[in-house]
């Protein structure tokens, strides 16, 4: 891409919710995947309490959550540190990695998504939410080549303005970038504010797409 030149000096202001992506090491993914298979039981079924059209959704136990927060906390701490120091440098209190922050799980669960299952547009409870991809079969990614719509098995984050406020002229010029699509890979993690709406597309392959999600309440001590 060629370097652009501008006529005037300006500052670009970040706008909208902060969405961060991390890459987790294999040993952390393996822990989460093993614990996910460990809770596949009817007594842990959670799909009736969730938005998704996915039958295989199971809730982790408190013991699992305590184990998971030990190695996931660093990602939540980095999210808050980046947000307060880089994303909103002049708004709100500042935190650093050494400052005490406490996380309370609202809930966490695993999704075993199969062919034709999907997650409609929804948001979460809590302050922060996350999704971690434990198994993304290559068969799903190959489907992208034969479809011109949002890629099968992908996630779409949505932050829109009411369409009724857009005039015809706006739709030609002022329409905002109001969504972000991502085809995930095994080991990737997104952290985002719980109010950020998102959806997951269905796929046609006879495979299982495994992801884990959770919601947190954040408590901190001001300096």
Protein backbone atom coordinates (compact mmCIF):
# COMPACT_ATOMS: atom_id res chain seq x y z
CA UNK A 1 0.00 0.00 0.00
CA UNK A 2 1.42 3.40 -0.97
CA UNK A 3 2.05 6.02 1.69
CA UNK A 4 -0.64 8.68 1.86
CA UNK A 5 0.01 12.41 2.22
CA UNK A 6 -2.40 14.90 3.77
CA UNK A 7 -2.87 18.64 3.45
CA UNK A 8 -3.40 19.37 7.14
CA UNK A 9 -2.39 18.06 10.51
CA UNK A 10 -5.07 16.15 12.39
CA UNK A 11 -5.63 13.62 15.16
CA UNK A 12 -7.54 10.42 14.71
CA UNK A 13 -9.92 9.58 17.57
CA UNK A 14 -10.67 5.97 18.40
CA UNK A 15 -14.41 5.42 18.46
CA UNK A 16 -16.72 2.62 19.48
CA UNK A 17 -16.10 -0.44 21.65
CA UNK A 18 -12.60 -1.80 22.20
CA UNK A 19 -12.09 -5.26 20.71
CA UNK A 20 -8.77 -7.04 21.36
CA UNK A 21 -7.54 -10.33 19.91
CA UNK A 22 -4.99 -12.55 21.65
CA UNK A 23 -3.26 -15.78 20.63
CA UNK A 24 -3.19 -18.35 23.41
CA UNK A 25 -0.42 -20.96 23.72
CA UNK A 26 -1.28 -24.60 23.04
CA UNK A 27 -0.99 -25.63 26.70
CA UNK A 28 -3.76 -23.20 27.70
CA UNK A 29 -5.99 -24.33 24.83
CA UNK A 30 -5.42 -27.96 25.86
CA UNK A 31 -6.54 -27.23 29.44
CA UNK A 32 -9.72 -25.56 28.24
CA UNK A 33 -10.44 -28.29 25.70
CA UNK A 34 -9.94 -31.11 28.23
CA UNK A 35 -12.18 -29.34 30.76
CA UNK A 36 -14.79 -28.83 28.03
CA UNK A 37 -15.03 -32.54 27.31
CA UNK A 38 -15.14 -33.13 31.07
CA UNK A 39 -18.46 -31.26 31.44
CA UNK A 40 -20.35 -32.85 28.52
CA UNK A 41 -23.26 -34.05 30.60
CA UNK A 42 -26.98 -33.35 30.61
CA UNK A 43 -26.82 -31.81 34.09
CA UNK A 44 -24.50 -29.08 32.79
CA UNK A 45 -26.59 -28.18 29.74
CA UNK A 46 -26.89 -24.43 29.30
CA UNK A 47 -28.42 -23.86 25.86
CA UNK A 48 -31.86 -22.98 27.28
CA UNK A 49 -30.28 -19.97 29.03
CA UNK A 50 -28.29 -18.78 26.01
CA UNK A 51 -29.23 -17.10 22.75
CA UNK A 52 -27.70 -19.65 20.43
CA UNK A 53 -29.42 -22.24 18.31
CA UNK A 54 -26.78 -24.71 19.49
CA UNK A 55 -27.70 -27.87 21.38
CA UNK A 56 -24.26 -28.64 22.82
CA UNK A 57 -23.69 -25.76 25.25
CA UNK A 58 -22.42 -26.75 28.69
CA UNK A 59 -21.60 -24.71 31.78
CA UNK A 60 -18.25 -24.99 33.55
CA UNK A 61 -18.16 -25.72 37.28
CA UNK A 62 -16.82 -23.25 39.85
CA UNK A 63 -13.71 -25.43 40.13
CA UNK A 64 -13.10 -25.10 36.41
CA UNK A 65 -13.57 -21.33 36.53
CA UNK A 66 -11.07 -20.97 39.36
CA UNK A 67 -8.54 -22.93 37.32
CA UNK A 68 -9.20 -20.93 34.16
CA UNK A 69 -8.94 -17.48 35.76
CA UNK A 70 -5.40 -18.31 36.90
CA UNK A 71 -4.10 -18.16 33.34
CA UNK A 72 -6.78 -16.04 31.64
CA UNK A 73 -6.47 -13.12 34.05
CA UNK A 74 -3.40 -11.73 32.29
CA UNK A 75 -5.43 -11.19 29.12
CA UNK A 76 -8.20 -9.32 30.96
CA UNK A 77 -5.60 -7.22 32.76
CA UNK A 78 -3.92 -6.35 29.46
CA UNK A 79 -7.31 -5.36 28.03
CA UNK A 80 -8.00 -2.95 30.91
CA UNK A 81 -4.46 -1.57 30.89
CA UNK A 82 -4.56 -0.92 27.14
CA UNK A 83 -8.02 0.62 27.33
CA UNK A 84 -7.18 3.06 30.10
CA UNK A 85 -3.69 4.01 28.88
CA UNK A 86 -4.03 3.88 25.08
CA UNK A 87 -7.68 3.72 24.04
CA UNK A 88 -9.06 6.33 26.45
CA UNK A 89 -5.92 8.09 27.67
CA UNK A 90 -7.72 11.13 29.06
CA UNK A 91 -10.83 9.50 30.51
CA UNK A 92 -11.20 7.63 33.77
CA UNK A 93 -8.65 6.18 36.23
CA UNK A 94 -5.38 4.64 35.06
CA UNK A 95 -4.33 1.12 35.92
CA UNK A 96 -1.15 -0.84 35.44
CA UNK A 97 -0.32 -4.52 35.51
CA UNK A 98 0.72 -4.40 39.16
CA UNK A 99 -2.47 -2.82 40.44
CA UNK A 100 -4.95 -5.14 42.11
CA UNK A 101 -7.99 -5.97 40.01
CA UNK A 102 -10.51 -8.63 40.93
CA UNK A 103 -12.62 -10.58 38.46
CA UNK A 104 -15.89 -12.28 39.34
CA UNK A 105 -17.28 -14.74 36.84
CA UNK A 106 -20.88 -14.14 35.88
CA UNK A 107 -20.81 -17.36 33.86
CA UNK A 108 -18.66 -19.41 31.49
CA UNK A 109 -19.49 -22.23 29.12
CA UNK A 110 -18.41 -24.22 26.07
CA UNK A 111 -20.12 -24.38 22.67
CA UNK A 112 -20.00 -27.55 20.60
CA UNK A 113 -21.42 -26.11 17.38
CA UNK A 114 -22.43 -28.55 14.65
CA UNK A 115 -23.70 -28.34 11.09
CA UNK A 116 -26.52 -25.78 10.52
CA UNK A 117 -26.35 -24.48 14.11
CA UNK A 118 -25.75 -20.77 14.68
CA UNK A 119 -25.80 -17.93 17.18
CA UNK A 120 -28.14 -15.01 16.36
CA UNK A 121 -27.31 -11.39 17.17
CA UNK A 122 -27.01 -11.02 20.95
CA UNK A 123 -25.04 -9.40 23.75
CA UNK A 124 -23.87 -10.68 27.13
CA UNK A 125 -24.17 -9.91 30.84
CA UNK A 126 -21.34 -8.54 32.98
CA UNK A 127 -18.66 -5.95 32.17
CA UNK A 128 -16.25 -7.94 30.00
CA UNK A 129 -16.88 -10.95 27.78
CA UNK A 130 -14.58 -13.24 25.85
CA UNK A 131 -14.58 -16.05 23.33
CA UNK A 132 -11.75 -18.54 22.84
CA UNK A 133 -11.55 -20.88 19.87
CA UNK A 134 -10.57 -24.39 20.93
CA UNK A 135 -11.18 -26.25 17.67
CA UNK A 136 -11.85 -24.72 14.25
CA UNK A 137 -11.86 -27.47 11.59
CA UNK A 138 -10.29 -26.66 8.23
CA UNK A 139 -13.42 -27.95 6.47
CA UNK A 140 -15.30 -24.85 7.66
CA UNK A 141 -12.67 -22.48 6.28
CA UNK A 142 -12.82 -24.18 2.88
CA UNK A 143 -16.54 -23.38 2.66
CA UNK A 144 -15.65 -19.69 2.37
CA UNK A 145 -14.50 -20.26 -1.21
CA UNK A 146 -17.95 -21.28 -2.41
CA UNK A 147 -20.03 -18.61 -0.67
CA UNK A 148 -20.19 -14.86 -1.26
CA UNK A 149 -21.92 -14.05 2.04
CA UNK A 150 -20.44 -13.73 5.53
CA UNK A 151 -18.04 -16.69 5.82
CA UNK A 152 -19.54 -19.86 7.38
CA UNK A 153 -18.49 -20.39 10.99
CA UNK A 154 -17.25 -16.81 11.32
CA UNK A 155 -18.08 -14.32 14.05
CA UNK A 156 -19.43 -10.86 13.30
CA UNK A 157 -19.21 -8.01 15.83
CA UNK A 158 -21.84 -5.32 15.33
CA UNK A 159 -22.05 -1.74 16.63
CA UNK A 160 -24.67 0.10 14.59
CA UNK A 161 -26.59 3.35 14.49
CA UNK A 162 -30.34 3.16 13.80
CA UNK A 163 -30.77 2.81 10.01
CA UNK A 164 -33.68 5.27 10.08
CA UNK A 165 -31.21 8.07 10.88
CA UNK A 166 -29.34 7.57 7.58
CA UNK A 167 -30.50 9.59 4.58
CA UNK A 168 -29.86 8.46 1.01
CA UNK A 169 -26.88 10.80 0.91
CA UNK A 170 -25.52 9.26 4.12
CA UNK A 171 -25.76 5.81 2.63
CA UNK A 172 -23.55 6.93 -0.23
CA UNK A 173 -20.91 8.76 1.80
CA UNK A 174 -21.40 8.89 5.57
CA UNK A 175 -22.26 5.27 6.24
CA UNK A 176 -20.00 4.07 9.09
CA UNK A 177 -18.02 0.86 9.35
CA UNK A 178 -20.39 -0.74 11.83
CA UNK A 179 -19.30 -4.37 11.89
CA UNK A 180 -16.22 -6.58 11.86
CA UNK A 181 -16.21 -10.13 10.49
CA UNK A 182 -13.59 -12.66 11.52
CA UNK A 183 -12.94 -16.25 10.50
CA UNK A 184 -11.31 -17.63 13.66
CA UNK A 185 -8.46 -20.09 14.01
CA UNK A 186 -7.73 -22.47 16.85
CA UNK A 187 -6.05 -20.66 19.76
CA UNK A 188 -7.44 -17.18 19.13
CA UNK A 189 -9.26 -15.19 21.81
CA UNK A 190 -11.36 -12.03 21.64
CA UNK A 191 -12.03 -9.81 24.67
CA UNK A 192 -14.75 -7.17 24.38
CA UNK A 193 -17.30 -5.18 26.41
CA UNK A 194 -20.30 -7.33 27.24
CA UNK A 195 -22.73 -4.97 25.53
CA UNK A 196 -21.06 -5.42 22.12
CA UNK A 197 -23.50 -7.36 19.96
CA UNK A 198 -22.26 -10.26 17.85
CA UNK A 199 -23.40 -13.33 15.97
CA UNK A 200 -21.95 -16.62 14.69
CA UNK A 201 -22.72 -18.00 11.24
CA UNK A 202 -23.81 -21.56 10.54
CA UNK A 203 -21.70 -23.92 8.41
CA UNK A 204 -22.46 -26.97 6.26
CA UNK A 205 -19.58 -29.35 6.98
CA UNK A 206 -20.15 -32.39 9.17
CA UNK A 207 -17.66 -31.27 11.84
CA UNK A 208 -17.71 -29.69 15.30
CA UNK A 209 -16.60 -26.12 15.96
CA UNK A 210 -15.64 -25.74 19.64
CA UNK A 211 -15.41 -22.41 21.43
CA UNK A 212 -15.60 -21.29 25.03
CA UNK A 213 -17.14 -18.04 26.25
CA UNK A 214 -17.52 -16.22 29.53
CA UNK A 215 -18.69 -13.03 31.21
CA UNK A 216 -16.94 -11.17 34.03
CA UNK A 217 -17.64 -8.42 36.48
CA UNK A 218 -14.56 -6.25 37.07
CA UNK A 219 -13.72 -4.74 40.45
CA UNK A 220 -10.70 -2.52 41.05
CA UNK A 221 -9.04 -0.33 43.61
CA UNK A 222 -8.37 3.27 42.60
CA UNK A 223 -4.84 4.53 43.06
